């Protein structure tokens, strides 16, 4: 066969493969979009909305009393605090405001800024001002702990106290950042979020959440409370990927200001956490903050707030009442700082 015919045949074959790939990609994108819209219809907002700085945030506002703000971690949304019981428990004596952070749940995430912990903290602060919330205790889990620290370091007079759960506080090399970066990029990330990422997520999501709870078991009804399909939408996949990409620079920015923190801080961690190392993160932060206390739960993992609801509630109560009985003097040695091992 003449070379020209071979080249023409190869060209037609290549063009056919490209066309077939494009058709398959378009069909997958339409299916992903349909599933995302269906997920939002099947799981309507639980609370209200506030628009600040061009961003529409979804939040729950429940109870009366001293204000406490809840900021969830990566992957999930505000329903995580419903599942662990914190919202109902705290609402007995507090006004509880739980946000879907930008891009998660029913909150928007415009592409007009880099959504670092500091940028998210600024939006949350403006939302709280609109809601007439002053000097709340701020509770943050995982990535939400970084946002809580962003509030405390950037706007210290606006924060009564901090409750930090399974947080990432100091920059370190992380494989998940490298894996998330392509999904966080414009164009390439858009293509991935409407094709490969949702399909991969369907296979890996349960295993990922189980790893977050390990060594404790994942609650049987977790995905009944935190809707699985909402976590697989392209907008939330982008938010999760960007959070992972901004995790190291956000922690680097925050940790430079830890010495300035004056409010009481309660730190909680699970000794089996495989997402962030407790010794390198929570224990180190406790040593760097002489006015902090640390509770480590044996046999618990990254989702330790499911096991320590009572202890977290007690910490919020103390801070709200201004009777932080575990506060210690800055002159004490780090070796003398109390470490609580929960039963």
Protein backbone atom coordinates (compact mmCIF):
# COMPACT_ATOMS: atom_id res chain seq x y z
CA UNK A 1 0.00 0.00 0.00
CA UNK A 2 1.42 3.41 -0.95
CA UNK A 3 2.57 5.59 1.94
CA UNK A 4 0.04 8.30 1.10
CA UNK A 5 -2.83 5.84 1.53
CA UNK A 6 -1.40 4.63 4.85
CA UNK A 7 -1.08 8.21 6.13
CA UNK A 8 -4.61 9.01 4.99
CA UNK A 9 -5.94 5.89 6.70
CA UNK A 10 -4.09 6.78 9.92
CA UNK A 11 -5.40 10.35 9.77
CA UNK A 12 -8.97 9.13 9.35
CA UNK A 13 -8.49 6.72 12.24
CA UNK A 14 -7.06 9.44 14.48
CA UNK A 15 -9.84 11.84 13.57
CA UNK A 16 -12.41 9.16 14.29
CA UNK A 17 -10.89 8.44 17.69
CA UNK A 18 -10.81 12.13 18.56
CA UNK A 19 -14.42 12.54 17.47
CA UNK A 20 -15.53 9.52 19.48
CA UNK A 21 -13.67 10.83 22.55
CA UNK A 22 -15.28 14.24 22.16
CA UNK A 23 -18.76 12.72 21.87
CA UNK A 24 -18.18 10.53 24.91
CA UNK A 25 -16.84 13.51 26.87
CA UNK A 26 -19.83 15.67 25.93
CA UNK A 27 -22.27 12.92 26.87
CA UNK A 28 -20.52 12.43 30.23
CA UNK A 29 -20.56 16.17 30.91
CA UNK A 30 -24.29 16.36 30.22
CA UNK A 31 -24.92 13.40 32.53
CA UNK A 32 -22.77 14.97 35.28
CA UNK A 33 -24.62 18.27 34.91
CA UNK A 34 -27.98 16.48 35.10
CA UNK A 35 -26.93 14.63 38.26
CA UNK A 36 -25.71 17.87 39.85
CA UNK A 37 -28.97 19.70 39.15
CA UNK A 38 -30.97 16.72 40.41
CA UNK A 39 -28.89 16.61 43.60
CA UNK A 40 -29.67 20.27 44.27
CA UNK A 41 -33.40 19.70 43.68
CA UNK A 42 -33.44 16.62 45.89
CA UNK A 43 -31.51 18.39 48.66
CA UNK A 44 -32.87 21.94 48.90
CA UNK A 45 -31.30 24.53 51.22
CA UNK A 46 -31.90 23.93 54.93
CA UNK A 47 -31.51 27.55 55.97
CA UNK A 48 -31.24 31.06 54.60
CA UNK A 49 -28.86 33.04 52.41
CA UNK A 50 -26.74 36.13 52.87
CA UNK A 51 -24.89 37.86 50.04
CA UNK A 52 -21.56 39.50 50.82
CA UNK A 53 -18.71 40.63 48.58
CA UNK A 54 -20.49 39.19 45.55
CA UNK A 55 -20.80 35.77 47.17
CA UNK A 56 -24.09 34.15 48.18
CA UNK A 57 -23.62 32.04 51.31
CA UNK A 58 -26.01 29.43 52.65
CA UNK A 59 -26.25 29.13 56.44
CA UNK A 60 -28.31 27.70 59.30
CA UNK A 61 -29.18 30.02 62.20
CA UNK A 62 -30.60 28.13 65.18
CA UNK A 63 -31.08 28.76 68.90
CA UNK A 64 -30.65 31.76 71.17
CA UNK A 65 -27.85 32.93 73.41
CA UNK A 66 -24.14 33.67 72.96
CA UNK A 67 -23.16 33.18 69.33
CA UNK A 68 -21.11 30.26 68.04
CA UNK A 69 -20.05 29.87 64.41
CA UNK A 70 -19.40 26.45 62.84
CA UNK A 71 -17.07 26.04 59.84
CA UNK A 72 -16.90 22.60 58.22
CA UNK A 73 -13.94 20.89 56.62
CA UNK A 74 -13.10 19.89 53.06
CA UNK A 75 -15.23 17.42 51.05
CA UNK A 76 -18.33 17.81 53.27
CA UNK A 77 -20.78 20.66 53.98
CA UNK A 78 -22.65 22.13 56.95
CA UNK A 79 -24.74 18.95 57.40
CA UNK A 80 -21.61 17.38 58.89
CA UNK A 81 -22.35 19.36 62.06
CA UNK A 82 -25.91 18.04 62.01
CA UNK A 83 -24.68 14.47 61.69
CA UNK A 84 -22.32 14.71 64.67
CA UNK A 85 -25.02 16.39 66.78
CA UNK A 86 -23.15 19.63 67.45
CA UNK A 87 -25.80 21.98 66.03
CA UNK A 88 -28.64 20.58 68.14
CA UNK A 89 -26.43 20.27 71.21
CA UNK A 90 -25.09 23.82 71.03
CA UNK A 91 -28.44 25.35 70.07
CA UNK A 92 -29.82 24.47 73.51
CA UNK A 93 -27.90 27.42 74.98
CA UNK A 94 -26.40 29.30 72.04
CA UNK A 95 -27.24 31.00 68.80
CA UNK A 96 -25.59 28.65 66.32
CA UNK A 97 -24.65 29.83 62.83
CA UNK A 98 -23.32 27.08 60.56
CA UNK A 99 -22.13 28.07 57.08
CA UNK A 100 -21.66 26.17 53.88
CA UNK A 101 -18.21 27.52 53.10
CA UNK A 102 -17.80 29.08 49.61
CA UNK A 103 -18.35 26.46 46.90
CA UNK A 104 -19.73 23.82 49.25
CA UNK A 105 -23.36 22.87 49.71
CA UNK A 106 -25.53 25.72 48.45
CA UNK A 107 -22.91 28.48 48.77
CA UNK A 108 -21.36 30.14 45.75
CA UNK A 109 -17.65 30.36 44.93
CA UNK A 110 -17.04 33.10 42.33
CA UNK A 111 -13.85 32.95 40.32
CA UNK A 112 -12.95 36.58 41.00
CA UNK A 113 -10.47 35.79 43.79
CA UNK A 114 -8.18 33.14 45.25
CA UNK A 115 -10.16 31.38 47.96
CA UNK A 116 -7.45 31.10 50.58
CA UNK A 117 -8.35 30.69 54.25
CA UNK A 118 -7.90 34.44 54.66
CA UNK A 119 -10.26 35.23 51.76
CA UNK A 120 -12.88 32.87 53.16
CA UNK A 121 -12.46 34.39 56.62
CA UNK A 122 -13.09 37.88 55.24
CA UNK A 123 -16.33 36.77 53.57
CA UNK A 124 -17.51 34.95 56.71
CA UNK A 125 -16.76 38.04 58.83
CA UNK A 126 -18.81 40.30 56.54
CA UNK A 127 -21.66 37.78 56.62
CA UNK A 128 -21.58 37.75 60.43
CA UNK A 129 -21.74 41.55 60.51
CA UNK A 130 -24.84 41.43 58.30
CA UNK A 131 -26.37 38.88 60.65
CA UNK A 132 -25.62 41.05 63.72
CA UNK A 133 -23.29 38.45 65.18
CA UNK A 134 -20.59 39.93 67.41
CA UNK A 135 -17.66 38.20 69.09
CA UNK A 136 -18.72 34.59 68.55
CA UNK A 137 -16.86 31.51 69.59
CA UNK A 138 -15.65 30.04 66.28
CA UNK A 139 -15.53 26.27 65.82
CA UNK A 140 -13.61 24.94 62.82
CA UNK A 141 -13.05 21.37 61.70
CA UNK A 142 -10.13 20.46 59.43
CA UNK A 143 -10.00 23.10 56.64
CA UNK A 144 -12.61 25.04 58.60
CA UNK A 145 -10.03 25.33 61.40
CA UNK A 146 -7.79 27.25 58.98
CA UNK A 147 -10.66 29.63 58.22
CA UNK A 148 -11.32 30.01 61.96
CA UNK A 149 -7.65 30.89 62.44
CA UNK A 150 -7.92 33.31 59.53
CA UNK A 151 -10.72 35.08 61.40
CA UNK A 152 -8.75 35.09 64.66
CA UNK A 153 -5.48 36.34 63.15
CA UNK A 154 -6.98 38.90 60.75
CA UNK A 155 -9.84 40.12 62.98
CA UNK A 156 -8.88 39.19 66.56
CA UNK A 157 -11.31 41.61 68.23
CA UNK A 158 -14.20 39.85 66.50
CA UNK A 159 -13.48 36.39 67.96
CA UNK A 160 -14.26 35.46 71.59
CA UNK A 161 -12.59 32.06 71.43
CA UNK A 162 -11.47 29.29 69.10
CA UNK A 163 -12.35 25.60 69.06
CA UNK A 164 -10.10 23.86 66.53
CA UNK A 165 -10.77 20.26 65.52
CA UNK A 166 -8.40 18.04 63.51
CA UNK A 167 -6.77 21.08 61.96
CA UNK A 168 -3.81 21.60 59.66
CA UNK A 169 -1.83 24.45 61.23
CA UNK A 170 1.73 24.27 59.87
CA UNK A 171 2.87 23.88 56.24
CA UNK A 172 4.24 20.50 55.25
CA UNK A 173 4.66 18.44 52.10
CA UNK A 174 1.40 16.71 51.17
CA UNK A 175 0.60 14.26 48.38
CA UNK A 176 -3.07 15.31 48.26
CA UNK A 177 -2.04 18.83 47.24
CA UNK A 178 -0.14 17.51 44.22
CA UNK A 179 -3.05 15.27 43.23
CA UNK A 180 -5.62 18.05 43.58
CA UNK A 181 -3.76 20.76 41.66
CA UNK A 182 -4.82 19.73 38.12
CA UNK A 183 -8.49 19.64 39.16
CA UNK A 184 -8.19 23.14 40.64
CA UNK A 185 -6.86 24.69 37.41
CA UNK A 186 -9.11 26.60 34.99
CA UNK A 187 -9.89 24.88 31.65
CA UNK A 188 -8.11 21.59 32.41
CA UNK A 189 -9.83 21.40 35.77
CA UNK A 190 -13.18 22.25 34.19
CA UNK A 191 -12.82 19.36 31.77
CA UNK A 192 -11.85 16.97 34.56
CA UNK A 193 -14.66 18.09 36.88
CA UNK A 194 -17.30 17.33 34.27
CA UNK A 195 -15.86 14.00 33.14
CA UNK A 196 -13.21 12.05 35.04
CA UNK A 197 -13.47 13.49 38.56
CA UNK A 198 -17.17 12.79 39.26
CA UNK A 199 -16.81 9.24 37.97
CA UNK A 200 -13.71 8.63 40.06
CA UNK A 201 -15.44 10.25 43.01
CA UNK A 202 -18.32 7.81 42.81
CA UNK A 203 -15.89 4.94 43.15
CA UNK A 204 -13.69 6.49 45.84
CA UNK A 205 -16.01 8.66 47.96
CA UNK A 206 -17.14 6.07 50.49
CA UNK A 207 -13.61 4.77 50.93
CA UNK A 208 -12.33 8.34 51.40
CA UNK A 209 -14.92 9.11 54.09
CA UNK A 210 -14.21 5.81 55.84
CA UNK A 211 -10.53 6.82 55.91
CA UNK A 212 -11.51 10.14 57.49
CA UNK A 213 -13.28 8.31 60.33
CA UNK A 214 -10.71 5.53 60.74
CA UNK A 215 -9.81 3.88 63.02
CA UNK A 216 -13.41 4.53 64.17
CA UNK A 217 -16.18 3.23 61.86
CA UNK A 218 -18.09 5.57 59.59
CA UNK A 219 -21.66 6.06 60.90
CA UNK A 220 -24.15 3.95 58.94
CA UNK A 221 -26.34 6.98 58.12
CA UNK A 222 -23.56 9.41 57.25
CA UNK A 223 -24.61 9.79 53.60
CA UNK A 224 -28.26 10.11 54.63
CA UNK A 225 -27.34 13.29 56.51
CA UNK A 226 -24.50 14.54 54.29
CA UNK A 227 -25.98 13.96 50.80
CA UNK A 228 -23.58 11.94 48.68
CA UNK A 229 -24.70 13.39 45.34
CA UNK A 230 -24.12 16.96 46.57
CA UNK A 231 -20.48 16.11 47.22
CA UNK A 232 -19.99 14.91 43.63
CA UNK A 233 -21.10 18.09 41.84
CA UNK A 234 -18.46 19.87 39.72
CA UNK A 235 -18.76 23.08 41.77
CA UNK A 236 -17.99 21.24 45.00
CA UNK A 237 -15.22 19.20 43.39
CA UNK A 238 -13.62 22.50 42.34
CA UNK A 239 -14.00 23.94 45.85
CA UNK A 240 -12.44 20.84 47.41
CA UNK A 241 -9.55 20.85 44.93
CA UNK A 242 -8.87 24.56 45.42
CA UNK A 243 -8.97 24.14 49.19
CA UNK A 244 -6.36 21.40 48.91
CA UNK A 245 -4.21 23.57 46.64
CA UNK A 246 -4.42 26.57 49.01
CA UNK A 247 -3.90 24.55 52.19
CA UNK A 248 -0.12 24.95 52.47
CA UNK A 249 0.05 28.71 51.71
CA UNK A 250 -2.93 29.37 54.00
CA UNK A 251 -1.26 27.53 56.88
CA UNK A 252 2.04 29.30 56.21
CA UNK A 253 0.28 32.67 56.41
CA UNK A 254 -1.62 31.80 59.59
CA UNK A 255 1.24 30.27 61.54
CA UNK A 256 3.26 33.46 61.26
CA UNK A 257 0.62 35.13 63.45
CA UNK A 258 -0.09 32.49 66.11
CA UNK A 259 2.01 34.35 68.69
CA UNK A 260 -0.41 37.29 68.47
CA UNK A 261 -3.48 35.26 69.49
CA UNK A 262 -4.81 36.23 72.92
CA UNK A 263 -8.23 34.53 73.00
CA UNK A 264 -8.72 31.10 74.62
CA UNK A 265 -8.17 28.15 72.27
CA UNK A 266 -9.34 24.56 72.68
CA UNK A 267 -7.76 22.01 70.36
CA UNK A 268 -9.23 18.58 69.65
CA UNK A 269 -7.70 15.67 67.72
CA UNK A 270 -7.96 11.93 67.27
CA UNK A 271 -4.80 9.96 67.94
CA UNK A 272 -5.47 7.79 64.86
CA UNK A 273 -5.92 10.68 62.41
CA UNK A 274 -4.40 9.70 59.05
CA UNK A 275 -5.40 12.94 57.28
CA UNK A 276 -3.33 15.33 59.42
CA UNK A 277 -0.75 14.09 61.89
CA UNK A 278 -1.84 15.07 65.43
CA UNK A 279 1.69 15.29 66.81
CA UNK A 280 2.96 17.52 64.00
CA UNK A 281 -0.13 19.72 63.94
CA UNK A 282 -2.40 19.76 67.01
CA UNK A 283 0.24 18.99 69.64
CA UNK A 284 2.64 21.50 68.09
CA UNK A 285 -0.02 24.22 68.05
CA UNK A 286 -0.85 23.50 71.69
CA UNK A 287 2.81 23.98 72.60
CA UNK A 288 2.98 27.23 70.65
CA UNK A 289 -0.18 28.64 72.28
CA UNK A 290 0.28 28.83 76.07
CA UNK A 291 -3.38 29.80 76.54
CA UNK A 292 -4.66 26.64 74.84
CA UNK A 293 -5.79 23.22 75.98
CA UNK A 294 -5.58 20.00 73.99
CA UNK A 295 -7.82 16.93 74.03
CA UNK A 296 -6.73 13.84 72.11
CA UNK A 297 -9.24 10.99 71.73
CA UNK A 298 -7.74 7.48 71.59
CA UNK A 299 -9.14 5.31 68.82
CA UNK A 300 -10.56 8.27 66.86
CA UNK A 301 -9.55 9.69 63.52
CA UNK A 302 -9.99 12.89 61.56
CA UNK A 303 -13.75 13.06 62.26
CA UNK A 304 -13.14 13.17 66.00
CA UNK A 305 -16.00 15.65 66.56
CA UNK A 306 -18.42 12.70 66.27
CA UNK A 307 -16.79 11.21 69.37
CA UNK A 308 -16.19 14.43 71.33
CA UNK A 309 -19.48 16.32 70.96
CA UNK A 310 -19.86 16.78 74.71
CA UNK A 311 -16.28 17.94 75.23
CA UNK A 312 -16.53 20.42 72.34
CA UNK A 313 -19.83 21.75 73.69
CA UNK A 314 -18.27 22.21 77.12
CA UNK A 315 -15.36 24.16 75.60
CA UNK A 316 -17.79 26.47 73.80
CA UNK A 317 -19.79 26.93 77.02
CA UNK A 318 -16.68 27.97 78.96
CA UNK A 319 -15.58 30.46 76.34
CA UNK A 320 -19.05 31.92 75.90
CA UNK A 321 -19.37 32.42 79.64
CA UNK A 322 -15.89 33.88 79.93
CA UNK A 323 -14.89 31.18 82.40
CA UNK A 324 -12.24 29.29 80.48
CA UNK A 325 -11.08 27.20 83.41
CA UNK A 326 -8.28 25.59 81.42
CA UNK A 327 -6.60 28.88 80.53
CA UNK A 328 -2.95 28.87 81.60
CA UNK A 329 -0.35 31.58 82.04
CA UNK A 330 2.04 32.33 79.19
CA UNK A 331 5.02 31.95 81.54
CA UNK A 332 4.52 28.22 81.97
CA UNK A 333 6.80 25.75 80.24
CA UNK A 334 5.44 23.89 77.24
CA UNK A 335 6.18 20.68 79.12
CA UNK A 336 3.71 21.79 81.80
CA UNK A 337 0.88 22.52 79.37
CA UNK A 338 -2.05 20.17 80.14
CA UNK A 339 -2.85 17.41 77.69
CA UNK A 340 -6.23 15.73 78.09
CA UNK A 341 -6.65 12.18 76.88
CA UNK A 342 -10.38 11.61 76.45
CA UNK A 343 -11.76 8.28 77.57
